[in-house]
Amino acid sequence: MNERLRKVNSYLSSLSPIKFIIVMTALTYLIIIPFIPLFYLAEKHIGPMGGAAEDINQLSFIGKILIASILAPLLETLVFQYGVIEVLDFINFSKYRQAILIVISSIAFGMSHCYSVIYM
């Protein structure tokens, strides 16, 4: 298992930034595809997820692409990764400082997406 992870890490590290983004985007969609039926079942039996998706549905196709695929991820990265880590980076937690910053950043990101239990 460790050898496979090293090979994957080596492959991803060797990619140019553009290729890395394309590969990671494709992998994200491939991971989400099996869960689509679960999302539909949950919405049918529990109710709509709510959140930003309702606002985005009112936009044109180009608007949806610009907001959901480009602008939102850039702003979320800026706020929840760069922002949180830069603000808290001066604090010397311990030798696990980086891991703690990543966990805090992840929790802040997750809390901003708690429109409903299903969405989380």
Protein backbone atom coordinates (compact mmCIF):
# COMPACT_ATOMS: atom_id res chain seq x y z
CA MET A 1 0.00 0.00 0.00
CA ASN A 2 2.77 2.46 0.89
CA GLU A 3 4.52 1.71 -2.39
CA ARG A 4 1.36 2.51 -4.36
CA LEU A 5 0.94 5.79 -2.49
CA ARG A 6 4.55 6.70 -3.24
CA LYS A 7 4.01 6.00 -6.95
CA VAL A 8 0.85 8.12 -7.00
CA ASN A 9 2.63 10.90 -5.12
CA SER A 10 5.58 10.72 -7.49
CA TYR A 11 3.29 10.86 -10.53
CA LEU A 12 1.26 13.80 -9.21
CA SER A 13 4.42 15.67 -8.18
CA SER A 14 5.86 15.31 -11.68
CA LEU A 15 2.87 16.97 -13.35
CA SER A 16 2.87 20.59 -14.44
CA PRO A 17 0.41 22.78 -12.49
CA ILE A 18 -2.11 22.81 -15.35
CA LYS A 19 -1.97 19.03 -15.79
CA PHE A 20 -2.24 18.57 -12.01
CA ILE A 21 -5.38 20.71 -11.89
CA ILE A 22 -6.92 18.79 -14.80
CA VAL A 23 -6.11 15.39 -13.24
CA MET A 24 -7.42 16.39 -9.82
CA THR A 25 -10.61 17.87 -11.32
CA ALA A 26 -11.23 14.68 -13.30
CA LEU A 27 -10.59 12.52 -10.23
CA THR A 28 -12.98 14.65 -8.18
CA TYR A 29 -15.77 14.10 -10.67
CA LEU A 30 -15.00 10.38 -10.91
CA ILE A 31 -15.20 10.06 -7.13
CA ILE A 32 -18.51 11.95 -6.97
CA ILE A 33 -20.28 9.95 -9.73
CA PRO A 34 -21.07 6.86 -7.61
CA PHE A 35 -22.71 9.08 -4.97
CA ILE A 36 -25.14 10.83 -7.34
CA PRO A 37 -27.94 8.27 -6.77
CA LEU A 38 -27.52 8.74 -3.01
CA PHE A 39 -27.95 12.51 -3.40
CA TYR A 40 -31.17 12.01 -5.37
CA LEU A 41 -32.52 9.51 -2.83
CA ALA A 42 -31.67 11.81 0.06
CA GLU A 43 -33.37 14.79 -1.60
CA LYS A 44 -36.42 12.67 -2.38
CA HIS A 45 -36.82 11.33 1.17
CA ILE A 46 -35.34 14.09 3.33
CA GLY A 47 -35.72 17.24 1.25
CA PRO A 48 -33.59 19.62 -0.81
CA MET A 49 -30.01 20.25 0.15
CA GLY A 50 -30.42 24.01 0.01
CA GLY A 51 -27.44 26.30 -0.02
CA ALA A 52 -25.78 28.07 -2.88
CA ALA A 53 -27.06 25.61 -5.48
CA GLU A 54 -30.48 27.25 -5.44
CA ASP A 55 -29.00 30.66 -6.23
CA ILE A 56 -26.73 29.29 -8.94
CA ASN A 57 -29.65 27.62 -10.74
CA GLN A 58 -30.99 31.07 -11.60
CA LEU A 59 -27.87 31.96 -13.60
CA SER A 60 -27.19 31.34 -17.28
CA PHE A 61 -25.05 28.37 -18.30
CA ILE A 62 -21.95 30.59 -18.67
CA GLY A 63 -22.71 32.21 -15.32
CA LYS A 64 -22.93 28.80 -13.66
CA ILE A 65 -19.56 27.80 -15.09
CA LEU A 66 -17.91 31.07 -14.06
CA ILE A 67 -19.31 31.09 -10.54
CA ALA A 68 -19.35 27.39 -9.62
CA SER A 69 -16.24 26.20 -11.41
CA ILE A 70 -13.92 29.19 -11.30
CA LEU A 71 -14.86 31.99 -8.90
CA ALA A 72 -16.18 29.96 -5.93
CA PRO A 73 -13.21 27.58 -5.72
CA LEU A 74 -10.74 30.46 -6.00
CA LEU A 75 -12.46 32.46 -3.26
CA GLU A 76 -12.84 29.42 -1.01
CA THR A 77 -9.17 28.59 -1.45
CA LEU A 78 -8.20 32.18 -0.71
CA VAL A 79 -10.33 32.42 2.42
CA PHE A 80 -10.19 28.92 3.91
CA GLN A 81 -6.70 27.83 2.98
CA TYR A 82 -4.52 30.87 2.46
CA GLY A 83 -6.46 33.16 4.80
CA VAL A 84 -6.85 30.83 7.75
CA ILE A 85 -3.33 29.47 7.51
CA GLU A 86 -1.76 32.93 7.13
CA VAL A 87 -3.76 34.36 10.03
CA LEU A 88 -2.90 31.49 12.37
CA ASP A 89 0.60 30.78 11.07
CA PHE A 90 2.27 33.02 13.64
CA ILE A 91 1.03 30.79 16.45
CA ASN A 92 3.58 28.16 17.39
CA PHE A 93 1.27 25.31 18.40
CA SER A 94 3.80 22.53 18.56
CA LYS A 95 5.79 20.34 16.27
CA TYR A 96 2.42 19.44 14.68
CA ARG A 97 1.75 23.09 13.73
CA GLN A 98 1.15 22.38 10.04
CA ALA A 99 -1.25 19.52 10.73
CA ILE A 100 -3.18 21.65 13.23
CA LEU A 101 -3.44 24.51 10.73
CA ILE A 102 -4.73 22.13 8.07
CA VAL A 103 -7.36 20.73 10.45
CA ILE A 104 -8.51 24.23 11.47
CA SER A 105 -8.66 25.27 7.81
CA SER A 106 -10.68 22.16 6.95
CA ILE A 107 -13.12 22.68 9.80
CA ALA A 108 -13.68 26.32 8.78
CA PHE A 109 -14.29 25.22 5.18
CA GLY A 110 -16.72 22.51 6.25
CA MET A 111 -18.62 24.82 8.58
CA SER A 112 -19.17 27.27 5.74
CA HIS A 113 -20.92 24.50 3.77
CA CYS A 114 -23.43 23.33 6.37
CA TYR A 115 -26.59 24.32 4.49
CA SER A 116 -28.19 21.05 5.50
CA VAL A 117 -27.22 17.69 6.93
CA ILE A 118 -27.29 16.14 3.46
CA TYR A 119 -25.06 18.82 1.96
CA MET A 120 -22.44 18.35 4.68
